[in-house]
Amino acid sequence: MSERPGLVVLISGRGSNLRALAEAIRQGRLRATLAAVISNRADAPGLNFATEQGIPTHVVSHVGLSRAEHSAALLEVIRPYNPRFICLAGFMRLLAPSFIQAFLHRVVNIHPSLLPAFPGLDAQRQALDYGVKVSGCTVHLVDEELDHGPIVMQSAVPVLDDDTPETLATRILAAEHKTYPAAIERLLYEPWTLEGRRVVFQSAQGQSSQGI
């Protein structure tokens, strides 16, 4: 059997989506390996999980560095792993254009809203303040703008009348944990093309499919 494609995961905190990717791999829902986990924070709890799982870890601090300098330092660590995709999982730093170009269409992010609605921080509070009845999560390819790149997959989560930002975030996170591994699996194993900013998957019958 040929070696499975490797993923490098970038985190800044607890790494709940990192854990979801690892669990999907364990269950066979995601046919990949976690080549390395990298954090910009040495105290990120997700690093402890990765170490327990035997996954190589690195800390590339952003402190005192410009965005371009930090991205260059990340590239130096990531390149030897030659990952198929770089998965942002709660990574709270913006990547420089040079990084995006070095791994063009190979950097993937998950965001807790149905983009293009509510990009940036506090997406769940934004959704509640706006009064939407449906929110959710979005997996997208990363481009040079914040939460902007072509959408790979989305999952909808109803917004309840008694929701708080915390309760909505909890239900969206549960959707993220299913959607992110499924999206990476599709990117790895289903033929896809970019048509404008649309990610179009081609089924065996030649019909396109989007989302789950």
N, C-alpha and C. Protein backbone atom coordinates (compact mmCIF):
# COMPACT_ATOMS: atom_id res chain seq x y z
N MET A 1 0.85 -1.19 0.00
CA MET A 1 0.00 0.00 0.00
C MET A 1 0.88 1.24 0.00
N SER A 2 0.56 2.20 -0.85
CA SER A 2 1.36 3.40 -0.92
C SER A 2 1.17 4.22 0.35
N GLU A 3 2.19 5.01 0.66
CA GLU A 3 2.14 5.82 1.87
C GLU A 3 1.02 6.85 1.77
N ARG A 4 0.29 7.02 2.85
CA ARG A 4 -0.82 7.97 2.84
C ARG A 4 -0.29 9.40 2.88
N PRO A 5 -1.04 10.32 2.29
CA PRO A 5 -0.59 11.71 2.24
C PRO A 5 -0.50 12.32 3.64
N GLY A 6 0.47 13.19 3.81
CA GLY A 6 0.70 13.80 5.11
C GLY A 6 0.04 15.17 5.23
N LEU A 7 -0.40 15.47 6.44
CA LEU A 7 -0.98 16.76 6.76
C LEU A 7 -0.13 17.41 7.86
N VAL A 8 0.11 18.69 7.71
CA VAL A 8 0.69 19.48 8.78
C VAL A 8 -0.42 20.36 9.35
N VAL A 9 -0.59 20.33 10.66
CA VAL A 9 -1.67 21.06 11.31
C VAL A 9 -1.08 22.22 12.11
N LEU A 10 -1.63 23.41 11.92
CA LEU A 10 -1.20 24.60 12.64
C LEU A 10 -2.26 24.95 13.67
N ILE A 11 -1.83 25.13 14.92
CA ILE A 11 -2.75 25.43 16.01
C ILE A 11 -2.22 26.61 16.82
N SER A 12 -3.11 27.17 17.63
CA SER A 12 -2.70 28.19 18.61
C SER A 12 -3.21 27.88 20.01
N GLY A 13 -4.11 26.89 20.13
CA GLY A 13 -4.74 26.65 21.42
C GLY A 13 -4.97 25.19 21.71
N ARG A 14 -6.23 24.87 22.06
CA ARG A 14 -6.55 23.53 22.56
C ARG A 14 -6.48 22.45 21.49
N GLY A 15 -6.67 22.82 20.24
CA GLY A 15 -6.54 21.85 19.17
C GLY A 15 -7.70 20.88 19.06
N SER A 16 -8.94 21.35 19.26
CA SER A 16 -10.08 20.43 19.19
C SER A 16 -10.26 19.89 17.78
N ASN A 17 -10.03 20.71 16.76
CA ASN A 17 -10.13 20.20 15.39
C ASN A 17 -8.94 19.31 15.03
N LEU A 18 -7.80 19.54 15.64
CA LEU A 18 -6.68 18.60 15.51
C LEU A 18 -7.10 17.23 16.04
N ARG A 19 -7.74 17.21 17.20
CA ARG A 19 -8.21 15.94 17.77
C ARG A 19 -9.24 15.28 16.86
N ALA A 20 -10.10 16.09 16.24
CA ALA A 20 -11.11 15.54 15.33
C ALA A 20 -10.45 14.92 14.11
N LEU A 21 -9.42 15.55 13.58
CA LEU A 21 -8.70 14.98 12.44
C LEU A 21 -8.03 13.67 12.84
N ALA A 22 -7.41 13.67 14.01
CA ALA A 22 -6.74 12.45 14.48
C ALA A 22 -7.74 11.32 14.68
N GLU A 23 -8.90 11.62 15.23
CA GLU A 23 -9.92 10.60 15.45
C GLU A 23 -10.46 10.07 14.12
N ALA A 24 -10.65 10.97 13.15
CA ALA A 24 -11.13 10.53 11.84
C ALA A 24 -10.11 9.61 11.17
N ILE A 25 -8.83 9.91 11.35
CA ILE A 25 -7.78 9.03 10.81
C ILE A 25 -7.84 7.67 11.50
N ARG A 26 -7.99 7.68 12.84
CA ARG A 26 -8.05 6.42 13.59
C ARG A 26 -9.22 5.56 13.15
N GLN A 27 -10.35 6.21 12.84
CA GLN A 27 -11.55 5.49 12.45
C GLN A 27 -11.59 5.14 10.97
N GLY A 28 -10.61 5.60 10.21
CA GLY A 28 -10.57 5.31 8.78
C GLY A 28 -11.42 6.22 7.93
N ARG A 29 -11.98 7.28 8.52
CA ARG A 29 -12.78 8.23 7.74
C ARG A 29 -11.92 9.24 6.99
N LEU A 30 -10.67 9.38 7.43
CA LEU A 30 -9.71 10.27 6.78
C LEU A 30 -8.44 9.48 6.51
N ARG A 31 -8.17 9.23 5.24
CA ARG A 31 -7.03 8.41 4.86
C ARG A 31 -5.81 9.31 4.66
N ALA A 32 -5.19 9.63 5.77
CA ALA A 32 -4.04 10.53 5.78
C ALA A 32 -3.22 10.25 7.02
N THR A 33 -2.10 10.94 7.14
CA THR A 33 -1.30 10.89 8.35
C THR A 33 -1.06 12.32 8.83
N LEU A 34 -0.90 12.46 10.12
CA LEU A 34 -0.54 13.76 10.69
C LEU A 34 0.98 13.82 10.78
N ALA A 35 1.57 14.55 9.84
CA ALA A 35 3.03 14.58 9.74
C ALA A 35 3.65 15.42 10.85
N ALA A 36 2.98 16.51 11.24
CA ALA A 36 3.52 17.39 12.26
C ALA A 36 2.43 18.34 12.74
N VAL A 37 2.59 18.81 13.95
CA VAL A 37 1.72 19.83 14.52
C VAL A 37 2.61 21.00 14.93
N ILE A 38 2.24 22.19 14.50
CA ILE A 38 3.04 23.39 14.75
C ILE A 38 2.16 24.43 15.42
N SER A 39 2.68 25.06 16.45
CA SER A 39 1.95 26.12 17.14
C SER A 39 2.82 27.37 17.23
N ASN A 40 2.16 28.52 17.25
CA ASN A 40 2.87 29.76 17.51
C ASN A 40 2.97 30.05 19.00
N ARG A 41 2.34 29.19 19.81
CA ARG A 41 2.35 29.35 21.26
C ARG A 41 2.87 28.07 21.92
N ALA A 42 3.89 28.22 22.77
CA ALA A 42 4.46 27.06 23.43
C ALA A 42 3.51 26.45 24.44
N ASP A 43 2.54 27.24 24.94
CA ASP A 43 1.60 26.73 25.95
C ASP A 43 0.31 26.21 25.34
N ALA A 44 0.25 26.02 24.04
CA ALA A 44 -0.97 25.51 23.41
C ALA A 44 -1.24 24.08 23.86
N PRO A 45 -2.41 23.81 24.48
CA PRO A 45 -2.70 22.46 24.95
C PRO A 45 -2.68 21.41 23.84
N GLY A 46 -2.97 21.81 22.61
CA GLY A 46 -2.95 20.87 21.51
C GLY A 46 -1.60 20.22 21.29
N LEU A 47 -0.53 20.90 21.69
CA LEU A 47 0.81 20.31 21.55
C LEU A 47 0.95 19.09 22.45
N ASN A 48 0.37 19.15 23.64
CA ASN A 48 0.44 18.00 24.55
C ASN A 48 -0.27 16.80 23.94
N PHE A 49 -1.44 17.04 23.34
CA PHE A 49 -2.16 15.94 22.69
C PHE A 49 -1.31 15.34 21.58
N ALA A 50 -0.71 16.19 20.74
CA ALA A 50 0.10 15.68 19.63
C ALA A 50 1.26 14.85 20.14
N THR A 51 1.92 15.31 21.18
CA THR A 51 3.04 14.57 21.75
C THR A 51 2.58 13.21 22.26
N GLU A 52 1.43 13.19 22.93
CA GLU A 52 0.89 11.92 23.43
C GLU A 52 0.60 10.94 22.29
N GLN A 53 0.26 11.49 21.12
CA GLN A 53 -0.05 10.65 19.96
C GLN A 53 1.19 10.29 19.15
N GLY A 54 2.34 10.77 19.57
CA GLY A 54 3.57 10.48 18.85
C GLY A 54 3.75 11.29 17.59
N ILE A 55 3.07 12.42 17.48
CA ILE A 55 3.17 13.29 16.31
C ILE A 55 4.26 14.32 16.56
N PRO A 56 5.18 14.52 15.63
CA PRO A 56 6.21 15.55 15.82
C PRO A 56 5.58 16.93 16.04
N THR A 57 6.14 17.69 16.96
CA THR A 57 5.62 19.02 17.24
C THR A 57 6.73 20.06 17.13
N HIS A 58 6.32 21.28 16.82
CA HIS A 58 7.24 22.40 16.74
C HIS A 58 6.54 23.64 17.27
N VAL A 59 7.29 24.53 17.88
CA VAL A 59 6.80 25.85 18.26
C VAL A 59 7.55 26.88 17.43
N VAL A 60 6.79 27.68 16.69
CA VAL A 60 7.36 28.77 15.91
C VAL A 60 6.68 30.05 16.39
N SER A 61 7.29 30.68 17.35
CA SER A 61 6.68 31.85 17.99
C SER A 61 6.63 33.03 17.02
N HIS A 62 5.55 33.79 17.14
CA HIS A 62 5.40 34.99 16.32
C HIS A 62 5.91 36.22 17.04
N VAL A 63 6.27 36.08 18.29
CA VAL A 63 6.63 37.23 19.12
C VAL A 63 7.87 37.93 18.55
N GLY A 64 7.74 39.21 18.33
CA GLY A 64 8.85 40.01 17.82
C GLY A 64 9.09 39.90 16.33
N LEU A 65 8.23 39.15 15.63
CA LEU A 65 8.40 38.95 14.20
C LEU A 65 7.27 39.63 13.44
N SER A 66 7.58 40.13 12.27
CA SER A 66 6.54 40.60 11.37
C SER A 66 5.80 39.40 10.80
N ARG A 67 4.67 39.67 10.15
CA ARG A 67 3.92 38.57 9.55
C ARG A 67 4.79 37.83 8.52
N ALA A 68 5.52 38.58 7.72
CA ALA A 68 6.37 37.96 6.70
C ALA A 68 7.47 37.12 7.33
N GLU A 69 8.07 37.64 8.41
CA GLU A 69 9.14 36.90 9.08
C GLU A 69 8.61 35.63 9.73
N HIS A 70 7.45 35.73 10.36
CA HIS A 70 6.88 34.55 10.99
C HIS A 70 6.51 33.50 9.96
N SER A 71 5.91 33.94 8.86
CA SER A 71 5.54 33.00 7.79
C SER A 71 6.78 32.33 7.20
N ALA A 72 7.87 33.09 7.06
CA ALA A 72 9.11 32.50 6.54
C ALA A 72 9.66 31.45 7.51
N ALA A 73 9.55 31.72 8.81
CA ALA A 73 10.00 30.75 9.79
C ALA A 73 9.14 29.49 9.76
N LEU A 74 7.83 29.66 9.58
CA LEU A 74 6.95 28.50 9.44
C LEU A 74 7.31 27.68 8.21
N LEU A 75 7.56 28.35 7.10
CA LEU A 75 7.91 27.64 5.87
C LEU A 75 9.16 26.79 6.06
N GLU A 76 10.13 27.33 6.78
CA GLU A 76 11.38 26.60 6.99
C GLU A 76 11.13 25.29 7.73
N VAL A 77 10.19 25.31 8.68
CA VAL A 77 9.88 24.11 9.45
C VAL A 77 9.01 23.15 8.64
N ILE A 78 8.07 23.69 7.87
CA ILE A 78 7.09 22.85 7.18
C ILE A 78 7.66 22.17 5.95
N ARG A 79 8.49 22.85 5.19
CA ARG A 79 8.93 22.32 3.89
C ARG A 79 9.52 20.91 3.96
N PRO A 80 10.35 20.57 4.94
CA PRO A 80 10.90 19.20 4.97
C PRO A 80 9.83 18.11 5.07
N TYR A 81 8.66 18.44 5.58
CA TYR A 81 7.59 17.44 5.69
C TYR A 81 6.86 17.24 4.36
N ASN A 82 7.00 18.18 3.45
CA ASN A 82 6.34 18.10 2.14
C ASN A 82 4.87 17.66 2.27
N PRO A 83 4.07 18.39 3.05
CA PRO A 83 2.69 17.95 3.28
C PRO A 83 1.82 18.12 2.05
N ARG A 84 0.82 17.27 1.93
CA ARG A 84 -0.16 17.43 0.86
C ARG A 84 -1.03 18.65 1.12
N PHE A 85 -1.44 18.80 2.40
CA PHE A 85 -2.19 19.98 2.80
C PHE A 85 -1.70 20.48 4.15
N ILE A 86 -1.84 21.77 4.35
CA ILE A 86 -1.60 22.40 5.64
C ILE A 86 -2.96 22.78 6.19
N CYS A 87 -3.31 22.26 7.35
CA CYS A 87 -4.64 22.45 7.93
C CYS A 87 -4.55 23.44 9.09
N LEU A 88 -5.22 24.56 8.97
CA LEU A 88 -5.29 25.52 10.06
C LEU A 88 -6.42 25.08 10.99
N ALA A 89 -6.09 24.91 12.26
CA ALA A 89 -7.06 24.41 13.24
C ALA A 89 -7.00 25.30 14.47
N GLY A 90 -7.69 26.42 14.40
CA GLY A 90 -7.61 27.39 15.48
C GLY A 90 -6.28 28.11 15.51
N PHE A 91 -5.68 28.30 14.35
CA PHE A 91 -4.40 29.03 14.24
C PHE A 91 -4.71 30.51 14.13
N MET A 92 -4.31 31.28 15.12
CA MET A 92 -4.77 32.65 15.26
C MET A 92 -3.78 33.68 14.73
N ARG A 93 -3.10 33.34 13.65
CA ARG A 93 -2.19 34.28 13.00
C ARG A 93 -2.51 34.31 11.51
N LEU A 94 -2.37 35.48 10.92
CA LEU A 94 -2.53 35.60 9.47
C LEU A 94 -1.23 35.23 8.79
N LEU A 95 -1.34 34.53 7.68
CA LEU A 95 -0.17 34.08 6.92
C LEU A 95 0.14 35.08 5.82
N ALA A 96 1.43 35.27 5.57
CA ALA A 96 1.86 36.22 4.55
C ALA A 96 1.56 35.69 3.15
N PRO A 97 1.39 36.58 2.18
CA PRO A 97 1.17 36.13 0.79
C PRO A 97 2.24 35.16 0.30
N SER A 98 3.48 35.34 0.73
CA SER A 98 4.55 34.45 0.29
C SER A 98 4.29 33.01 0.75
N PHE A 99 3.71 32.85 1.94
CA PHE A 99 3.38 31.51 2.43
C PHE A 99 2.26 30.91 1.59
N ILE A 100 1.22 31.69 1.33
CA ILE A 100 0.08 31.19 0.54
C ILE A 100 0.54 30.76 -0.84
N GLN A 101 1.43 31.54 -1.45
CA GLN A 101 1.90 31.21 -2.79
C GLN A 101 2.79 29.96 -2.78
N ALA A 102 3.53 29.77 -1.70
CA ALA A 102 4.41 28.59 -1.60
C ALA A 102 3.61 27.30 -1.53
N PHE A 103 2.41 27.37 -0.96
CA PHE A 103 1.53 26.20 -0.86
C PHE A 103 0.17 26.55 -1.47
N LEU A 104 0.17 27.03 -2.67
CA LEU A 104 -1.04 27.52 -3.31
C LEU A 104 -2.09 26.41 -3.41
N HIS A 105 -3.30 26.70 -2.91
CA HIS A 105 -4.44 25.77 -2.90
C HIS A 105 -4.16 24.53 -2.05
N ARG A 106 -3.19 24.65 -1.15
CA ARG A 106 -2.87 23.52 -0.25
C ARG A 106 -2.97 23.92 1.21
N VAL A 107 -3.44 25.13 1.48
CA VAL A 107 -3.67 25.58 2.85
C VAL A 107 -5.18 25.63 3.06
N VAL A 108 -5.66 24.95 4.09
CA VAL A 108 -7.10 24.80 4.32
C VAL A 108 -7.43 25.32 5.72
N ASN A 109 -8.57 25.98 5.84
CA ASN A 109 -9.01 26.52 7.13
C ASN A 109 -10.46 26.14 7.37
N ILE A 110 -10.85 26.13 8.65
CA ILE A 110 -12.26 25.98 9.00
C ILE A 110 -12.66 27.18 9.85
N HIS A 111 -13.85 27.73 9.53
CA HIS A 111 -14.32 28.95 10.20
C HIS A 111 -15.73 28.71 10.72
N PRO A 112 -16.05 29.22 11.92
CA PRO A 112 -17.36 28.93 12.52
C PRO A 112 -18.48 29.86 12.07
N SER A 113 -18.67 29.97 10.77
CA SER A 113 -19.84 30.64 10.21
C SER A 113 -20.01 30.14 8.78
N LEU A 114 -21.13 30.49 8.18
CA LEU A 114 -21.35 30.19 6.77
C LEU A 114 -20.82 31.37 5.97
N LEU A 115 -19.53 31.29 5.65
CA LEU A 115 -18.92 32.37 4.88
C LEU A 115 -19.64 32.55 3.54
N PRO A 116 -19.72 33.79 3.05
CA PRO A 116 -18.97 34.97 3.47
C PRO A 116 -19.56 35.73 4.64
N ALA A 117 -20.59 35.21 5.29
CA ALA A 117 -21.14 35.89 6.46
C ALA A 117 -20.19 35.74 7.65
N PHE A 118 -19.99 36.80 8.37
CA PHE A 118 -19.33 36.83 9.67
C PHE A 118 -17.90 36.29 9.67
N PRO A 119 -17.03 36.89 8.87
CA PRO A 119 -15.61 36.52 8.94
C PRO A 119 -14.97 37.10 10.19
N GLY A 120 -13.76 36.66 10.47
CA GLY A 120 -13.01 37.22 11.58
C GLY A 120 -13.39 36.62 12.92
N LEU A 121 -13.07 37.36 13.98
CA LEU A 121 -13.27 36.87 15.34
C LEU A 121 -14.73 36.98 15.77
N ASP A 122 -15.09 36.18 16.77
CA ASP A 122 -16.42 36.22 17.40
C ASP A 122 -17.54 36.02 16.38
N ALA A 123 -17.36 35.05 15.50
CA ALA A 123 -18.35 34.82 14.45
C ALA A 123 -19.71 34.43 15.03
N GLN A 124 -19.70 33.69 16.14
CA GLN A 124 -20.98 33.26 16.73
C GLN A 124 -21.73 34.46 17.31
N ARG A 125 -21.02 35.35 17.96
CA ARG A 125 -21.67 36.56 18.48
C ARG A 125 -22.16 37.43 17.34
N GLN A 126 -21.37 37.52 16.27
CA GLN A 126 -21.81 38.27 15.09
C GLN A 126 -23.12 37.72 14.57
N ALA A 127 -23.23 36.40 14.50
CA ALA A 127 -24.44 35.76 13.97
C ALA A 127 -25.65 36.08 14.84
N LEU A 128 -25.47 36.01 16.17
CA LEU A 128 -26.57 36.31 17.07
C LEU A 128 -26.96 37.78 16.99
N ASP A 129 -25.97 38.66 16.94
CA ASP A 129 -26.26 40.09 16.87
C ASP A 129 -27.00 40.45 15.59
N TYR A 130 -26.69 39.73 14.52
CA TYR A 130 -27.36 40.00 13.24
C TYR A 130 -28.77 39.43 13.19
N GLY A 131 -29.00 38.38 14.00
CA GLY A 131 -30.32 37.79 14.04
C GLY A 131 -30.57 36.70 13.04
N VAL A 132 -29.51 36.07 12.53
CA VAL A 132 -29.72 35.00 11.55
C VAL A 132 -30.35 33.79 12.22
N LYS A 133 -31.07 33.00 11.46
CA LYS A 133 -31.72 31.79 11.96
C LYS A 133 -30.89 30.54 11.69
N VAL A 134 -29.90 30.65 10.81
CA VAL A 134 -29.02 29.52 10.48
C VAL A 134 -27.59 30.04 10.43
N SER A 135 -26.71 29.34 11.12
CA SER A 135 -25.28 29.60 11.01
C SER A 135 -24.61 28.28 10.63
N GLY A 136 -23.36 28.09 11.03
CA GLY A 136 -22.70 26.84 10.69
C GLY A 136 -21.20 26.99 10.60
N CYS A 137 -20.58 26.18 9.77
CA CYS A 137 -19.14 26.23 9.60
C CYS A 137 -18.78 26.09 8.13
N THR A 138 -17.60 26.58 7.81
CA THR A 138 -17.12 26.58 6.43
C THR A 138 -15.68 26.11 6.38
N VAL A 139 -15.41 25.14 5.52
CA VAL A 139 -14.04 24.76 5.20
C VAL A 139 -13.69 25.43 3.88
N HIS A 140 -12.57 26.14 3.86
CA HIS A 140 -12.21 26.85 2.63
C HIS A 140 -10.71 26.80 2.40
N LEU A 141 -10.34 26.94 1.14
CA LEU A 141 -8.94 27.12 0.79
C LEU A 141 -8.52 28.53 1.19
N VAL A 142 -7.33 28.66 1.69
CA VAL A 142 -6.87 29.95 2.21
C VAL A 142 -6.23 30.76 1.08
N ASP A 143 -6.69 32.00 0.96
CA ASP A 143 -6.03 32.93 0.05
C ASP A 143 -5.46 34.09 0.86
N GLU A 144 -5.16 35.17 0.21
CA GLU A 144 -4.44 36.26 0.88
C GLU A 144 -5.35 37.20 1.66
N GLU A 145 -6.67 36.94 1.65
CA GLU A 145 -7.59 37.74 2.43
C GLU A 145 -8.17 36.92 3.58
N LEU A 146 -8.61 37.59 4.62
CA LEU A 146 -9.10 36.92 5.81
C LEU A 146 -10.41 36.19 5.54
N ASP A 147 -10.44 34.87 5.82
CA ASP A 147 -11.67 34.07 5.72
C ASP A 147 -12.37 34.30 4.38
N HIS A 148 -11.62 34.20 3.31
CA HIS A 148 -12.12 34.63 2.00
C HIS A 148 -11.99 33.59 0.91
N GLY A 149 -11.11 32.62 1.03
CA GLY A 149 -10.78 31.75 -0.09
C GLY A 149 -11.92 30.85 -0.54
N PRO A 150 -11.74 30.15 -1.66
CA PRO A 150 -12.78 29.29 -2.23
C PRO A 150 -13.31 28.26 -1.22
N ILE A 151 -14.63 28.11 -1.21
CA ILE A 151 -15.30 27.25 -0.23
C ILE A 151 -15.27 25.80 -0.68
N VAL A 152 -14.83 24.92 0.21
CA VAL A 152 -14.76 23.49 -0.06
C VAL A 152 -16.04 22.79 0.40
N MET A 153 -16.49 23.10 1.62
CA MET A 153 -17.64 22.42 2.20
C MET A 153 -18.22 23.29 3.30
N GLN A 154 -19.53 23.23 3.46
CA GLN A 154 -20.20 23.94 4.54
C GLN A 154 -21.21 23.01 5.22
N SER A 155 -21.44 23.25 6.51
CA SER A 155 -22.48 22.56 7.25
C SER A 155 -23.30 23.59 8.00
N ALA A 156 -24.63 23.45 7.92
CA ALA A 156 -25.53 24.41 8.56
C ALA A 156 -25.88 23.98 9.98
N VAL A 157 -26.02 24.96 10.86
CA VAL A 157 -26.42 24.73 12.25
C VAL A 157 -27.52 25.74 12.57
N PRO A 158 -28.72 25.28 12.97
CA PRO A 158 -29.78 26.22 13.31
C PRO A 158 -29.40 27.09 14.51
N VAL A 159 -29.84 28.34 14.48
CA VAL A 159 -29.65 29.24 15.61
C VAL A 159 -30.95 29.25 16.41
N LEU A 160 -30.86 28.86 17.68
CA LEU A 160 -32.05 28.75 18.52
C LEU A 160 -32.35 30.08 19.21
N ASP A 161 -33.60 30.29 19.54
CA ASP A 161 -34.01 31.55 20.14
C ASP A 161 -33.31 31.83 21.47
N ASP A 162 -32.98 30.77 22.21
CA ASP A 162 -32.34 30.97 23.50
C ASP A 162 -30.83 30.78 23.45
N ASP A 163 -30.26 30.78 22.26
CA ASP A 163 -28.81 30.60 22.13
C ASP A 163 -28.04 31.77 22.73
N THR A 164 -26.90 31.46 23.28
CA THR A 164 -25.87 32.42 23.63
C THR A 164 -24.69 32.18 22.69
N PRO A 165 -23.73 33.09 22.64
CA PRO A 165 -22.55 32.81 21.81
C PRO A 165 -21.89 31.48 22.19
N GLU A 166 -21.94 31.15 23.48
CA GLU A 166 -21.29 29.92 23.94
C GLU A 166 -22.05 28.67 23.50
N THR A 167 -23.37 28.67 23.63
CA THR A 167 -24.13 27.48 23.24
C THR A 167 -24.09 27.29 21.73
N LEU A 168 -24.17 28.40 21.00
CA LEU A 168 -24.09 28.29 19.54
C LEU A 168 -22.71 27.79 19.12
N ALA A 169 -21.68 28.30 19.77
CA ALA A 169 -20.32 27.87 19.44
C ALA A 169 -20.13 26.38 19.69
N THR A 170 -20.74 25.86 20.76
CA THR A 170 -20.60 24.44 21.07
C THR A 170 -21.21 23.58 19.97
N ARG A 171 -22.39 23.97 19.48
CA ARG A 171 -23.03 23.17 18.43
C ARG A 171 -22.32 23.33 17.09
N ILE A 172 -21.82 24.51 16.81
CA ILE A 172 -21.06 24.69 15.58
C ILE A 172 -19.77 23.88 15.64
N LEU A 173 -19.13 23.84 16.80
CA LEU A 173 -17.89 23.08 16.93
C LEU A 173 -18.12 21.60 16.67
N ALA A 174 -19.25 21.07 17.13
CA ALA A 174 -19.57 19.67 16.84
C ALA A 174 -19.69 19.44 15.34
N ALA A 175 -20.25 20.41 14.63
CA ALA A 175 -20.34 20.30 13.17
C ALA A 175 -18.96 20.40 12.53
N GLU A 176 -18.11 21.27 13.07
CA GLU A 176 -16.75 21.40 12.56
C GLU A 176 -16.01 20.07 12.62
N HIS A 177 -16.19 19.36 13.74
CA HIS A 177 -15.45 18.12 13.95
C HIS A 177 -15.83 17.04 12.95
N LYS A 178 -17.01 17.13 12.36
CA LYS A 178 -17.41 16.20 11.31
C LYS A 178 -17.03 16.74 9.92
N THR A 179 -17.19 18.03 9.74
CA THR A 179 -17.04 18.62 8.41
C THR A 179 -15.58 18.71 7.98
N TYR A 180 -14.70 19.08 8.91
CA TYR A 180 -13.30 19.28 8.53
C TYR A 180 -12.65 18.00 8.01
N PRO A 181 -12.73 16.87 8.74
CA PRO A 181 -12.14 15.64 8.18
C PRO A 181 -12.78 15.23 6.86
N ALA A 182 -14.11 15.39 6.75
CA ALA A 182 -14.78 15.01 5.50
C ALA A 182 -14.29 15.86 4.34
N ALA A 183 -14.08 17.14 4.59
CA ALA A 183 -13.61 18.03 3.52
C ALA A 183 -12.18 17.67 3.09
N ILE A 184 -11.32 17.37 4.06
CA ILE A 184 -9.94 17.00 3.71
C ILE A 184 -9.92 15.68 2.95
N GLU A 185 -10.73 14.73 3.36
CA GLU A 185 -10.82 13.45 2.64
C GLU A 185 -11.23 13.68 1.19
N ARG A 186 -12.19 14.55 0.97
CA ARG A 186 -12.63 14.82 -0.41
C ARG A 186 -11.52 15.50 -1.21
N LEU A 187 -10.86 16.47 -0.61
CA LEU A 187 -9.77 17.16 -1.32
C LEU A 187 -8.66 16.18 -1.70
N LEU A 188 -8.42 15.21 -0.83
CA LEU A 188 -7.35 14.25 -1.09
C LEU A 188 -7.70 13.24 -2.17
N TYR A 189 -8.97 12.79 -2.20
CA TYR A 189 -9.29 11.61 -2.98
C TYR A 189 -10.33 11.80 -4.07
N GLU A 190 -11.00 12.93 -4.14
CA GLU A 190 -11.93 13.19 -5.22
C GLU A 190 -11.33 14.23 -6.17
N PRO A 191 -11.43 13.99 -7.47
CA PRO A 191 -10.96 15.01 -8.41
C PRO A 191 -11.75 16.31 -8.20
N TRP A 192 -11.04 17.43 -8.22
CA TRP A 192 -11.71 18.70 -8.07
C TRP A 192 -10.97 19.77 -8.87
N THR A 193 -11.71 20.78 -9.21
CA THR A 193 -11.15 21.90 -9.95
C THR A 193 -11.66 23.19 -9.33
N LEU A 194 -10.95 24.27 -9.63
CA LEU A 194 -11.41 25.60 -9.27
C LEU A 194 -12.01 26.25 -10.51
N GLU A 195 -13.26 26.65 -10.39
CA GLU A 195 -13.92 27.38 -11.46
C GLU A 195 -14.25 28.76 -10.92
N GLY A 196 -13.44 29.73 -11.28
CA GLY A 196 -13.53 31.01 -10.61
C GLY A 196 -13.09 30.81 -9.18
N ARG A 197 -14.01 31.11 -8.23
CA ARG A 197 -13.69 30.82 -6.84
C ARG A 197 -14.49 29.63 -6.31
N ARG A 198 -15.07 28.83 -7.21
CA ARG A 198 -15.84 27.66 -6.82
C ARG A 198 -14.95 26.42 -6.83
N VAL A 199 -14.98 25.65 -5.73
CA VAL A 199 -14.36 24.34 -5.69
C VAL A 199 -15.40 23.34 -6.17
N VAL A 200 -15.14 22.70 -7.30
CA VAL A 200 -16.10 21.79 -7.91
C VAL A 200 -15.53 20.38 -7.88
N PHE A 201 -16.22 19.48 -7.16
CA PHE A 201 -15.83 18.08 -7.11
C PHE A 201 -16.53 17.32 -8.23
N GLN A 202 -15.81 16.36 -8.82
CA GLN A 202 -16.37 15.55 -9.90
C GLN A 202 -16.57 14.13 -9.40
N SER A 203 -17.82 13.66 -9.45
CA SER A 203 -18.11 12.29 -9.05
C SER A 203 -17.71 11.34 -10.17
N ALA A 204 -17.83 10.05 -9.90
CA ALA A 204 -17.49 9.05 -10.92
C ALA A 204 -18.36 9.20 -12.15
N GLN A 205 -19.57 9.75 -11.99
CA GLN A 205 -20.46 9.95 -13.12
C GLN A 205 -20.25 11.30 -13.80
N GLY A 206 -19.26 12.06 -13.29
CA GLY A 206 -18.97 13.34 -13.91
C GLY A 206 -19.89 14.45 -13.44
N GLN A 207 -20.68 14.16 -12.39
CA GLN A 207 -21.57 15.20 -11.87
C GLN A 207 -20.88 15.87 -10.69
N SER A 208 -21.04 17.18 -10.60
CA SER A 208 -20.41 17.91 -9.50
C SER A 208 -21.24 17.77 -8.24
N SER A 209 -20.59 17.87 -7.09
CA SER A 209 -21.27 17.81 -5.81
C SER A 209 -20.63 18.81 -4.88
N GLN A 210 -21.42 19.41 -4.01
CA GLN A 210 -20.94 20.41 -3.08
C GLN A 210 -21.49 20.14 -1.70
N GLY A 211 -20.63 20.21 -0.68
CA GLY A 211 -21.09 20.20 0.69
C GLY A 211 -21.56 18.82 1.16
N ILE A 212 -22.04 18.81 2.40
CA ILE A 212 -22.58 17.57 2.97
C ILE A 212 -23.91 17.88 3.63
